[in-house]
C-alpha atoms as a PDB file:
ATOM      1  CA  UNK A   1      -0.150  -0.193  -0.059  1.00  0.00           C
ATOM      2  CA  UNK A   2       0.947   3.577  -0.512  1.00  0.00           C
ATOM      3  CA  UNK A   3       0.861   5.115   2.702  1.00  0.00           C
ATOM      4  CA  UNK A   4      -0.680   8.606   2.462  1.00  0.00           C
ATOM      5  CA  UNK A   5      -3.558   7.351  -0.910  1.00  0.00           C
ATOM      6  CA  UNK A   6      -3.899   3.819   0.499  1.00  0.00           C
ATOM      7  CA  UNK A   7      -4.102   3.053  -2.720  1.00  0.00           C
ATOM      8  CA  UNK A   8      -3.405  -1.050  -3.455  1.00  0.00           C
ATOM      9  CA  UNK A   9       0.739  -1.253  -5.455  1.00  0.00           C
ATOM     10  CA  UNK A  10       1.188  -4.964  -4.944  1.00  0.00           C
ATOM     11  CA  UNK A  11       0.625  -8.533  -3.730  1.00  0.00           C
ATOM     12  CA  UNK A  12       3.263 -10.972  -3.558  1.00  0.00           C
ATOM     13  CA  UNK A  13       2.811 -14.163  -3.072  1.00  0.00           C
ATOM     14  CA  UNK A  14       5.850 -16.430  -1.301  1.00  0.00           C
ATOM     15  CA  UNK A  15       5.783 -20.510  -2.344  1.00  0.00           C
ATOM     16  CA  UNK A  16       8.468 -22.539  -1.131  1.00  0.00           C
ATOM     17  CA  UNK A  17       6.741 -25.361  -2.511  1.00  0.00           C
ATOM     18  CA  UNK A  18       5.541 -27.024   1.106  1.00  0.00           C
ATOM     19  CA  UNK A  19       2.672 -27.531   2.563  1.00  0.00           C
ATOM     20  CA  UNK A  20      -0.585 -26.186   1.743  1.00  0.00           C
ATOM     21  CA  UNK A  21      -1.729 -25.037   4.496  1.00  0.00           C
ATOM     22  CA  UNK A  22       0.916 -23.142   5.404  1.00  0.00           C
ATOM     23  CA  UNK A  23       0.354 -19.104   6.935  1.00  0.00           C
ATOM     24  CA  UNK A  24       2.089 -16.397   7.581  1.00  0.00           C
ATOM     25  CA  UNK A  25       2.006 -15.236  11.246  1.00  0.00           C
ATOM     26  CA  UNK A  26       3.960 -12.280  11.499  1.00  0.00           C
ATOM     27  CA  UNK A  27       5.928 -10.075   9.194  1.00  0.00           C
ATOM     28  CA  UNK A  28       8.131  -7.344   9.410  1.00  0.00           C
ATOM     29  CA  UNK A  29      10.704  -4.976   6.823  1.00  0.00           C
ATOM     30  CA  UNK A  30      14.207  -5.371   6.835  1.00  0.00           C
ATOM     31  CA  UNK A  31      15.828  -1.773   7.853  1.00  0.00           C
ATOM     32  CA  UNK A  32      16.212  -0.866   4.276  1.00  0.00           C
ATOM     33  CA  UNK A  33      12.596  -1.679   3.125  1.00  0.00           C
ATOM     34  CA  UNK A  34      13.827  -4.037   0.053  1.00  0.00           C
ATOM     35  CA  UNK A  35      13.005  -6.842   2.030  1.00  0.00           C
ATOM     36  CA  UNK A  36      10.619  -8.830   4.225  1.00  0.00           C
ATOM     37  CA  UNK A  37      10.794 -10.667   6.922  1.00  0.00           C
ATOM     38  CA  UNK A  38       8.099 -13.531   7.361  1.00  0.00           C
ATOM     39  CA  UNK A  39       7.258 -16.028  10.154  1.00  0.00           C
ATOM     40  CA  UNK A  40       6.191 -19.131   8.750  1.00  0.00           C
ATOM     41  CA  UNK A  41       3.778 -22.173   9.504  1.00  0.00           C
ATOM     42  CA  UNK A  42       2.390 -25.838   8.232  1.00  0.00           C
ATOM     43  CA  UNK A  43       1.432 -28.935  10.015  1.00  0.00           C
ATOM     44  CA  UNK A  44       5.510 -30.092  10.686  1.00  0.00           C
ATOM     45  CA  UNK A  45       7.347 -27.200   9.865  1.00  0.00           C
ATOM     46  CA  UNK A  46       7.799 -23.558  11.540  1.00  0.00           C
ATOM     47  CA  UNK A  47      10.704 -21.399   9.533  1.00  0.00           C
ATOM     48  CA  UNK A  48      11.781 -17.017   9.335  1.00  0.00           C
ATOM     49  CA  UNK A  49      11.282 -16.721   6.170  1.00  0.00           C
ATOM     50  CA  UNK A  50      13.650 -13.361   4.120  1.00  0.00           C
ATOM     51  CA  UNK A  51      11.886 -12.312   0.506  1.00  0.00           C
ATOM     52  CA  UNK A  52      12.528  -9.463  -1.738  1.00  0.00           C
ATOM     53  CA  UNK A  53      10.125  -7.315  -1.414  1.00  0.00           C
ATOM     54  CA  UNK A  54       9.877  -6.445  -4.897  1.00  0.00           C
ATOM     55  CA  UNK A  55       9.939 -10.155  -5.987  1.00  0.00           C
ATOM     56  CA  UNK A  56       8.257 -12.185  -3.438  1.00  0.00           C
ATOM     57  CA  UNK A  57      11.440 -14.583  -4.258  1.00  0.00           C
ATOM     58  CA  UNK A  58      12.859 -16.090  -1.080  1.00  0.00           C
ATOM     59  CA  UNK A  59      16.550 -14.840  -0.259  1.00  0.00           C
ATOM     60  CA  UNK A  60      16.490 -16.831   2.828  1.00  0.00           C
ATOM     61  CA  UNK A  61      14.694 -19.609   5.214  1.00  0.00           C
ATOM     62  CA  UNK A  62      15.057 -20.760   8.325  1.00  0.00           C
ATOM     63  CA  UNK A  63      13.817 -23.253   9.884  1.00  0.00           C
ATOM     64  CA  UNK A  64      13.268 -22.978  13.669  1.00  0.00           C
ATOM     65  CA  UNK A  65      12.320 -25.636  16.418  1.00  0.00           C
ATOM     66  CA  UNK A  66       8.400 -26.135  15.797  1.00  0.00           C
ATOM     67  CA  UNK A  67       6.639 -23.439  17.536  1.00  0.00           C
ATOM     68  CA  UNK A  68       4.251 -20.701  17.619  1.00  0.00           C
ATOM     69  CA  UNK A  69       5.835 -17.648  16.217  1.00  0.00           C
ATOM     70  CA  UNK A  70       4.087 -14.631  16.900  1.00  0.00           C
ATOM     71  CA  UNK A  71       6.095 -11.448  16.813  1.00  0.00           C
ATOM     72  CA  UNK A  72       9.450 -10.187  15.088  1.00  0.00           C
ATOM     73  CA  UNK A  73      11.565  -7.340  15.478  1.00  0.00           C
ATOM     74  CA  UNK A  74      14.744  -6.083  14.287  1.00  0.00           C
ATOM     75  CA  UNK A  75      17.401  -4.982  17.566  1.00  0.00           C
ATOM     76  CA  UNK A  76      19.146  -1.678  16.744  1.00  0.00           C
ATOM     77  CA  UNK A  77      22.167  -2.967  15.608  1.00  0.00           C
ATOM     78  CA  UNK A  78      20.396  -4.052  12.536  1.00  0.00           C
ATOM     79  CA  UNK A  79      22.271  -7.563  12.858  1.00  0.00           C
ATOM     80  CA  UNK A  80      19.519  -8.675  15.402  1.00  0.00           C
ATOM     81  CA  UNK A  81      15.692 -10.541  14.153  1.00  0.00           C
ATOM     82  CA  UNK A  82      14.084 -11.617  17.619  1.00  0.00           C
ATOM     83  CA  UNK A  83      11.191 -14.076  16.929  1.00  0.00           C
ATOM     84  CA  UNK A  84       9.069 -14.709  20.282  1.00  0.00           C
ATOM     85  CA  UNK A  85       7.968 -17.854  20.146  1.00  0.00           C
ATOM     86  CA  UNK A  86       5.240 -19.266  22.775  1.00  0.00           C
ATOM     87  CA  UNK A  87       7.846 -19.235  25.621  1.00  0.00           C
ATOM     88  CA  UNK A  88      11.304 -18.712  23.940  1.00  0.00           C
ATOM     89  CA  UNK A  89      12.665 -15.629  22.394  1.00  0.00           C
ATOM     90  CA  UNK A  90      15.212 -16.489  19.551  1.00  0.00           C
ATOM     91  CA  UNK A  91      17.911 -14.274  18.517  1.00  0.00           C
ATOM     92  CA  UNK A  92      18.617 -14.379  15.036  1.00  0.00           C
ATOM     93  CA  UNK A  93      21.428 -12.704  12.916  1.00  0.00           C
ATOM     94  CA  UNK A  94      19.365 -10.865   9.475  1.00  0.00           C
ATOM     95  CA  UNK A  95      20.859 -12.842   7.037  1.00  0.00           C
ATOM     96  CA  UNK A  96      19.857 -16.312   8.531  1.00  0.00           C
ATOM     97  CA  UNK A  97      22.544 -17.472   8.174  1.00  0.00           C
ATOM     98  CA  UNK A  98      22.299 -19.789  11.508  1.00  0.00           C
ATOM     99  CA  UNK A  99      20.192 -20.166  14.474  1.00  0.00           C
ATOM    100  CA  UNK A 100      21.704 -17.886  16.807  1.00  0.00           C
ATOM    101  CA  UNK A 101      20.918 -17.663  20.602  1.00  0.00           C
ATOM    102  CA  UNK A 102      17.609 -18.792  22.766  1.00  0.00           C
ATOM    103  CA  UNK A 103      16.217 -18.049  25.938  1.00  0.00           C
ATOM    104  CA  UNK A 104      13.319 -19.871  27.253  1.00  0.00           C
ATOM    105  CA  UNK A 105      11.866 -16.660  28.830  1.00  0.00           C
ATOM    106  CA  UNK A 106       8.450 -18.133  30.008  1.00  0.00           C
ATOM    107  CA  UNK A 107       6.522 -20.494  32.037  1.00  0.00           C
ATOM    108  CA  UNK A 108       3.276 -19.371  29.863  1.00  0.00           C
ATOM    109  CA  UNK A 109       2.629 -17.702  26.817  1.00  0.00           C
ATOM    110  CA  UNK A 110       4.252 -15.537  25.591  1.00  0.00           C
ATOM    111  CA  UNK A 111       2.320 -12.110  25.212  1.00  0.00           C
ATOM    112  CA  UNK A 112       4.208  -9.142  23.971  1.00  0.00           C
ATOM    113  CA  UNK A 113       8.012  -8.157  23.312  1.00  0.00           C
ATOM    114  CA  UNK A 114       9.775  -4.484  22.878  1.00  0.00           C
ATOM    115  CA  UNK A 115      13.008  -4.740  22.196  1.00  0.00           C
ATOM    116  CA  UNK A 116      13.342  -0.664  22.583  1.00  0.00           C
ATOM    117  CA  UNK A 117      15.260  -0.151  26.002  1.00  0.00           C
ATOM    118  CA  UNK A 118      18.314   1.513  27.721  1.00  0.00           C
ATOM    119  CA  UNK A 119      21.641  -0.036  27.760  1.00  0.00           C
ATOM    120  CA  UNK A 120      20.882  -3.024  25.514  1.00  0.00           C
ATOM    121  CA  UNK A 121      17.693  -4.142  27.472  1.00  0.00           C
ATOM    122  CA  UNK A 122      14.627  -5.541  26.144  1.00  0.00           C
ATOM    123  CA  UNK A 123      11.080  -6.262  27.956  1.00  0.00           C
ATOM    124  CA  UNK A 124       8.788  -9.147  27.533  1.00  0.00           C
ATOM    125  CA  UNK A 125       6.086  -9.722  28.943  1.00  0.00           C
ATOM    126  CA  UNK A 126       4.237 -13.144  29.924  1.00  0.00           C
ATOM    127  CA  UNK A 127       0.675 -14.850  31.226  1.00  0.00           C
ATOM    128  CA  UNK A 128      -1.411 -12.897  32.806  1.00  0.00           C
ATOM    129  CA  UNK A 129       0.774 -10.510  34.968  1.00  0.00           C
ATOM    130  CA  UNK A 130       4.433 -11.141  34.637  1.00  0.00           C
ATOM    131  CA  UNK A 131       7.206  -8.170  33.008  1.00  0.00           C
ATOM    132  CA  UNK A 132      10.868  -9.805  32.228  1.00  0.00           C
ATOM    133  CA  UNK A 133      13.775  -7.483  31.332  1.00  0.00           C
ATOM    134  CA  UNK A 134      16.420  -8.775  29.149  1.00  0.00           C
ATOM    135  CA  UNK A 135      19.950  -8.139  28.497  1.00  0.00           C
ATOM    136  CA  UNK A 136      19.573  -8.469  24.969  1.00  0.00           C
ATOM    137  CA  UNK A 137      23.364  -8.201  24.069  1.00  0.00           C
ATOM    138  CA  UNK A 138      24.118 -11.139  26.278  1.00  0.00           C
ATOM    139  CA  UNK A 139      20.261 -12.866  25.113  1.00  0.00           C
ATOM    140  CA  UNK A 140      20.045 -13.711  28.825  1.00  0.00           C
ATOM    141  CA  UNK A 141      16.738 -13.081  31.229  1.00  0.00           C
ATOM    142  CA  UNK A 142      18.178 -10.878  33.761  1.00  0.00           C
ATOM    143  CA  UNK A 143      14.626  -9.790  36.117  1.00  0.00           C
ATOM    144  CA  UNK A 144      10.752 -10.549  36.228  1.00  0.00           C
ATOM    145  CA  UNK A 145       7.787  -8.795  38.532  1.00  0.00           C
ATOM    146  CA  UNK A 146       4.464  -8.990  38.496  1.00  0.00           C
ATOM    147  CA  UNK A 147       2.852  -5.916  37.215  1.00  0.00           C
ATOM    148  CA  UNK A 148      -0.237  -4.379  38.159  1.00  0.00           C
ATOM    149  CA  UNK A 149      -2.054  -0.728  39.097  1.00  0.00           C
ATOM    150  CA  UNK A 150       0.192   0.895  42.104  1.00  0.00           C
ATOM    151  CA  UNK A 151      -3.079   1.565  44.220  1.00  0.00           C
ATOM    152  CA  UNK A 152      -4.519  -2.165  43.488  1.00  0.00           C
ATOM    153  CA  UNK A 153      -4.479  -4.841  46.419  1.00  0.00           C
ATOM    154  CA  UNK A 154      -2.938  -7.856  45.922  1.00  0.00           C
ATOM    155  CA  UNK A 155      -4.635 -10.578  42.780  1.00  0.00           C
ATOM    156  CA  UNK A 156      -6.287  -8.233  40.520  1.00  0.00           C
ATOM    157  CA  UNK A 157      -5.150  -9.584  37.200  1.00  0.00           C
ATOM    158  CA  UNK A 158      -3.597  -7.463  34.610  1.00  0.00           C
ATOM    159  CA  UNK A 159      -3.793  -9.546  31.712  1.00  0.00           C
ATOM    160  CA  UNK A 160      -1.099  -8.250  29.942  1.00  0.00           C
ATOM    161  CA  UNK A 161      -1.422  -7.247  26.402  1.00  0.00           C
ATOM    162  CA  UNK A 162       0.483  -4.881  24.883  1.00  0.00           C
ATOM    163  CA  UNK A 163       4.173  -3.473  25.575  1.00  0.00           C
ATOM    164  CA  UNK A 164       6.598  -0.432  24.918  1.00  0.00           C
ATOM    165  CA  UNK A 165       8.948   1.120  26.355  1.00  0.00           C
ATOM    166  CA  UNK A 166       9.649   5.501  26.409  1.00  0.00           C
ATOM    167  CA  UNK A 167      12.174   7.223  23.604  1.00  0.00           C
ATOM    168  CA  UNK A 168      14.197   7.311  26.787  1.00  0.00           C
ATOM    169  CA  UNK A 169      13.961   3.642  27.786  1.00  0.00           C
ATOM    170  CA  UNK A 170      12.910   5.458  31.431  1.00  0.00           C
ATOM    171  CA  UNK A 171       9.282   3.611  31.344  1.00  0.00           C
ATOM    172  CA  UNK A 172       7.844   0.716  30.443  1.00  0.00           C
ATOM    173  CA  UNK A 173       4.381   0.525  29.330  1.00  0.00           C
ATOM    174  CA  UNK A 174       2.054  -2.083  29.598  1.00  0.00           C
ATOM    175  CA  UNK A 175      -1.659  -2.537  28.637  1.00  0.00           C
ATOM    176  CA  UNK A 176      -3.803  -4.605  30.801  1.00  0.00           C
ATOM    177  CA  UNK A 177      -6.492  -5.662  28.498  1.00  0.00           C
ATOM    178  CA  UNK A 178      -8.406  -7.036  31.907  1.00  0.00           C
ATOM    179  CA  UNK A 179      -7.935  -4.147  33.927  1.00  0.00           C
ATOM    180  CA  UNK A 180      -8.261  -1.775  30.887  1.00  0.00           C
ATOM    181  CA  UNK A 181      -4.856  -0.506  32.479  1.00  0.00           C
ATOM    182  CA  UNK A 182      -2.070   1.288  30.938  1.00  0.00           C
ATOM    183  CA  UNK A 183       0.442   0.764  33.531  1.00  0.00           C
ATOM    184  CA  UNK A 184       3.565   3.177  33.852  1.00  0.00           C
ATOM    185  CA  UNK A 185       6.193   1.710  35.094  1.00  0.00           C
ATOM    186  CA  UNK A 186       9.564   2.732  36.956  1.00  0.00           C
ATOM    187  CA  UNK A 187      12.679   0.613  34.183  1.00  0.00           C
ATOM    188  CA  UNK A 188      14.961   0.710  37.553  1.00  0.00           C
ATOM    189  CA  UNK A 189      12.611  -0.659  39.904  1.00  0.00           C
ATOM    190  CA  UNK A 190      10.114  -2.683  37.611  1.00  0.00           C
ATOM    191  CA  UNK A 191       7.567  -0.997  39.921  1.00  0.00           C
ATOM    192  CA  UNK A 192       3.862   0.498  38.673  1.00  0.00           C
ATOM    193  CA  UNK A 193       3.987   4.640  39.483  1.00  0.00           C
ATOM    194  CA  UNK A 194       0.704   5.405  38.115  1.00  0.00           C
ATOM    195  CA  UNK A 195      -1.249   4.542  35.210  1.00  0.00           C
ATOM    196  CA  UNK A 196      -4.442   5.548  33.149  1.00  0.00           C
ATOM    197  CA  UNK A 197      -8.044   3.967  32.532  1.00  0.00           C
ATOM    198  CA  UNK A 198      -7.962   2.856  28.067  1.00  0.00           C
ATOM    199  CA  UNK A 199     -11.108   0.844  29.235  1.00  0.00           C
ATOM    200  CA  UNK A 200     -10.992  -3.364  29.106  1.00  0.00           C
ATOM    201  CA  UNK A 201     -10.223  -5.400  25.758  1.00  0.00           C
ATOM    202  CA  UNK A 202      -7.097  -3.748  24.356  1.00  0.00           C
ATOM    203  CA  UNK A 203      -5.454  -5.826  21.586  1.00  0.00           C
ATOM    204  CA  UNK A 204      -2.800  -3.653  20.265  1.00  0.00           C
ATOM    205  CA  UNK A 205      -0.983  -0.334  20.637  1.00  0.00           C
ATOM    206  CA  UNK A 206       1.063   1.552  19.201  1.00  0.00           C
ATOM    207  CA  UNK A 207       3.837   4.529  20.012  1.00  0.00           C
ATOM    208  CA  UNK A 208       4.058   7.556  17.899  1.00  0.00           C
ATOM    209  CA  UNK A 209       8.105   8.342  17.165  1.00  0.00           C
ATOM    210  CA  UNK A 210       8.773  10.993  19.514  1.00  0.00           C
ATOM    211  CA  UNK A 211       7.141   8.969  22.521  1.00  0.00           C
ATOM    212  CA  UNK A 212       3.390  12.027  23.467  1.00  0.00           C
ATOM    213  CA  UNK A 213       1.134   9.250  22.743  1.00  0.00           C
ATOM    214  CA  UNK A 214       0.127   5.886  22.352  1.00  0.00           C
ATOM    215  CA  UNK A 215      -2.562   4.322  20.269  1.00  0.00           C
ATOM    216  CA  UNK A 216      -5.105   1.066  21.615  1.00  0.00           C
ATOM    217  CA  UNK A 217      -7.299  -0.455  19.399  1.00  0.00           C
ATOM    218  CA  UNK A 218     -10.281  -2.107  21.558  1.00  0.00           C
ATOM    219  CA  UNK A 219     -12.349  -4.616  19.046  1.00  0.00           C
ATOM    220  CA  UNK A 220     -14.480  -5.069  21.361  1.00  0.00           C
ATOM    221  CA  UNK A 221     -15.809  -1.667  21.874  1.00  0.00           C
ATOM    222  CA  UNK A 222     -15.318  -0.196  18.704  1.00  0.00           C
ATOM    223  CA  UNK A 223     -12.906   2.155  19.490  1.00  0.00           C
ATOM    224  CA  UNK A 224      -9.107   3.752  19.206  1.00  0.00           C
ATOM    225  CA  UNK A 225      -8.017   5.431  22.056  1.00  0.00           C
ATOM    226  CA  UNK A 226      -5.514   7.563  21.955  1.00  0.00           C
ATOM    227  CA  UNK A 227      -3.801   8.256  25.286  1.00  0.00           C
ATOM    228  CA  UNK A 228      -1.435  11.405  26.051  1.00  0.00           C
ATOM    229  CA  UNK A 229       1.180   9.738  27.475  1.00  0.00           C
ATOM    230  CA  UNK A 230       2.550  13.603  29.323  1.00  0.00           C
ATOM    231  CA  UNK A 231      -0.615  14.324  30.526  1.00  0.00           C
ATOM    232  CA  UNK A 232      -0.893  10.664  31.743  1.00  0.00           C
ATOM    233  CA  UNK A 233      -4.980  10.795  30.172  1.00  0.00           C
ATOM    234  CA  UNK A 234      -7.250   9.083  27.377  1.00  0.00           C
ATOM    235  CA  UNK A 235      -7.244  12.477  24.479  1.00  0.00           C
ATOM    236  CA  UNK A 236      -9.999  10.875  22.205  1.00  0.00           C
ATOM    237  CA  UNK A 237     -11.838   8.149  21.495  1.00  0.00           C
ATOM    238  CA  UNK A 238     -12.197   7.279  18.133  1.00  0.00           C
ATOM    239  CA  UNK A 239     -14.927   5.033  16.560  1.00  0.00           C
ATOM    240  CA  UNK A 240     -14.585   1.996  13.926  1.00  0.00           C
ATOM    241  CA  UNK A 241     -15.969  -1.246  13.584  1.00  0.00           C
ATOM    242  CA  UNK A 242     -13.132  -3.766  14.781  1.00  0.00           C
ATOM    243  CA  UNK A 243      -9.622  -2.308  15.410  1.00  0.00           C
ATOM    244  CA  UNK A 244      -6.955  -4.809  15.381  1.00  0.00           C
ATOM    245  CA  UNK A 245      -3.819  -4.139  14.666  1.00  0.00           C
ATOM    246  CA  UNK A 246      -2.153  -0.400  14.785  1.00  0.00           C
ATOM    247  CA  UNK A 247       1.145   1.593  13.189  1.00  0.00           C
ATOM    248  CA  UNK A 248       1.788   5.140  13.548  1.00  0.00           C
ATOM    249  CA  UNK A 249       4.011   6.920  10.557  1.00  0.00           C
ATOM    250  CA  UNK A 250       7.004   8.525  11.070  1.00  0.00           C
ATOM    251  CA  UNK A 251       6.046  11.900  10.989  1.00  0.00           C
ATOM    252  CA  UNK A 252       3.444  10.405  14.520  1.00  0.00           C
ATOM    253  CA  UNK A 253       0.840  12.753  13.204  1.00  0.00           C
ATOM    254  CA  UNK A 254      -1.264   9.689  11.169  1.00  0.00           C
ATOM    255  CA  UNK A 255      -2.359   5.872  12.219  1.00  0.00           C
ATOM    256  CA  UNK A 256      -2.726   2.877   9.901  1.00  0.00           C
ATOM    257  CA  UNK A 257      -5.257   0.295  11.684  1.00  0.00           C
ATOM    258  CA  UNK A 258      -6.892  -2.655  10.478  1.00  0.00           C
ATOM    259  CA  UNK A 259      -9.651  -3.760  11.183  1.00  0.00           C
ATOM    260  CA  UNK A 260     -11.527  -7.687  12.159  1.00  0.00           C
ATOM    261  CA  UNK A 261     -15.502  -7.119  11.470  1.00  0.00           C
ATOM    262  CA  UNK A 262     -16.200 -10.370  10.186  1.00  0.00           C
ATOM    263  CA  UNK A 263     -15.028 -13.572   8.911  1.00  0.00           C
ATOM    264  CA  UNK A 264     -16.070 -12.362   5.003  1.00  0.00           C
ATOM    265  CA  UNK A 265     -14.659  -8.372   5.209  1.00  0.00           C
ATOM    266  CA  UNK A 266     -12.064  -6.205   6.833  1.00  0.00           C
ATOM    267  CA  UNK A 267     -10.382  -2.776   6.400  1.00  0.00           C
ATOM    268  CA  UNK A 268      -7.169  -0.494   6.310  1.00  0.00           C
ATOM    269  CA  UNK A 269      -7.719   2.910   7.693  1.00  0.00           C
ATOM    270  CA  UNK A 270      -5.974   5.844   8.013  1.00  0.00           C
ATOM    271  CA  UNK A 271      -6.443   7.920  11.046  1.00  0.00           C
ATOM    272  CA  UNK A 272      -5.159  11.425  11.179  1.00  0.00           C
ATOM    273  CA  UNK A 273      -4.495  11.782  15.078  1.00  0.00           C
ATOM    274  CA  UNK A 274      -4.763  15.273  14.947  1.00  0.00           C
ATOM    275  CA  UNK A 275      -8.452  15.629  13.983  1.00  0.00           C
ATOM    276  CA  UNK A 276      -8.866  12.226  15.600  1.00  0.00           C
ATOM    277  CA  UNK A 277     -10.907  10.981  12.533  1.00  0.00           C
ATOM    278  CA  UNK A 278     -10.987   8.263  10.427  1.00  0.00           C
ATOM    279  CA  UNK A 279      -9.775  10.089   7.122  1.00  0.00           C
ATOM    280  CA  UNK A 280      -9.753   7.575   4.280  1.00  0.00           C
ATOM    281  CA  UNK A 281     -10.123   3.885   4.088  1.00  0.00           C
ATOM    282  CA  UNK A 282      -9.728   0.541   1.242  1.00  0.00           C
ATOM    283  CA  UNK A 283     -10.671  -3.059   1.418  1.00  0.00           C
ATOM    284  CA  UNK A 284      -8.476  -5.706   2.890  1.00  0.00           C
ATOM    285  CA  UNK A 285      -8.659  -8.853   3.330  1.00  0.00           C
ATOM    286  CA  UNK A 286     -10.836 -10.513   6.211  1.00  0.00           C
ATOM    287  CA  UNK A 287      -9.776 -12.052   9.144  1.00  0.00           C
ATOM    288  CA  UNK A 288      -7.019 -10.666  11.683  1.00  0.00           C
ATOM    289  CA  UNK A 289      -4.610  -8.750   9.881  1.00  0.00           C
ATOM    290  CA  UNK A 290      -0.767  -7.416  10.664  1.00  0.00           C
ATOM    291  CA  UNK A 291       0.727  -4.075  10.063  1.00  0.00           C
ATOM    292  CA  UNK A 292       4.218  -3.523   9.401  1.00  0.00           C
ATOM    293  CA  UNK A 293       5.216   0.352   8.371  1.00  0.00           C
ATOM    294  CA  UNK A 294       8.804   1.375   5.925  1.00  0.00           C
ATOM    295  CA  UNK A 295      10.109   3.257   7.591  1.00  0.00           C
ATOM    296  CA  UNK A 296      10.031   3.121  10.897  1.00  0.00           C
ATOM    297  CA  UNK A 297      11.345   4.585  13.808  1.00  0.00           C
ATOM    298  CA  UNK A 298      14.509   2.269  13.524  1.00  0.00           C
ATOM    299  CA  UNK A 299      15.024   2.812   9.785  1.00  0.00           C
ATOM    300  CA  UNK A 300      16.622   3.235   6.936  1.00  0.00           C
ATOM    301  CA  UNK A 301      20.096   1.763   8.132  1.00  0.00           C
ATOM    302  CA  UNK A 302      23.239   1.093   6.391  1.00  0.00           C
ATOM    303  CA  UNK A 303      26.114  -0.801   7.933  1.00  0.00           C
ATOM    304  CA  UNK A 304      29.736  -2.571   6.621  1.00  0.00           C
ATOM    305  CA  UNK A 305      31.614  -4.691   7.179  1.00  0.00           C
END
């Protein structure tokens, strides 16, 4: 898609000659914008595949232990791709030349990851209420803590969903799907010091590049919630049918939202965050779609060996 006009540009068919039931569970642009990384599954295999954006031809592929990959992220170094499995994080070289390192960080399912923290720190959330800090350079889990609103009693379940960090890395934001709170967590102590009530059922969140706002999808409530992170309050609620995945453009003014309306209809929406209004849309394949943008806040990047 062209980001400003939402006109259909191309469709890439990725055929590896494997099981016809193969499907994609996560997608991420390479930092140069010319390649895409896909997490692909069939009944027998799990693989990360790097394809050429222009042709869809497979450039490299790497088979992994049979797992359910739910996300792909590129680290700041531009050399490492992080893939989230059920309870394990995989640290893969971007050329997919080997399986790299892997660490089991959760006893329960990984429900969110952000690879961008200060001093090589990454963060993941496990199960209903556990936050894990990871040293992405040493590829080890450093510590973990239970997360809940700062004024709650013990036993309140967060139902963790999305996770992100402030641009400085000093604050970790955790979206609680069950309690409907967006938590502000101090990275030094891993304790909650503030929260914003956004409503239960949050599916996904994305920060604007400046770190001023975050955008949260609530499919059950039929709304997109925009939170002013500095004022620590909900800035606007934008009505739309079943918003699912969200990404924010480099300008910080526009969000791109996929909807999961029913089994036969879906849309890609363009949202002006300043005006709190949907300004364009185009049909999209049905189903809970994932969205990725290029350039992102971490790209483009060049390196020399």
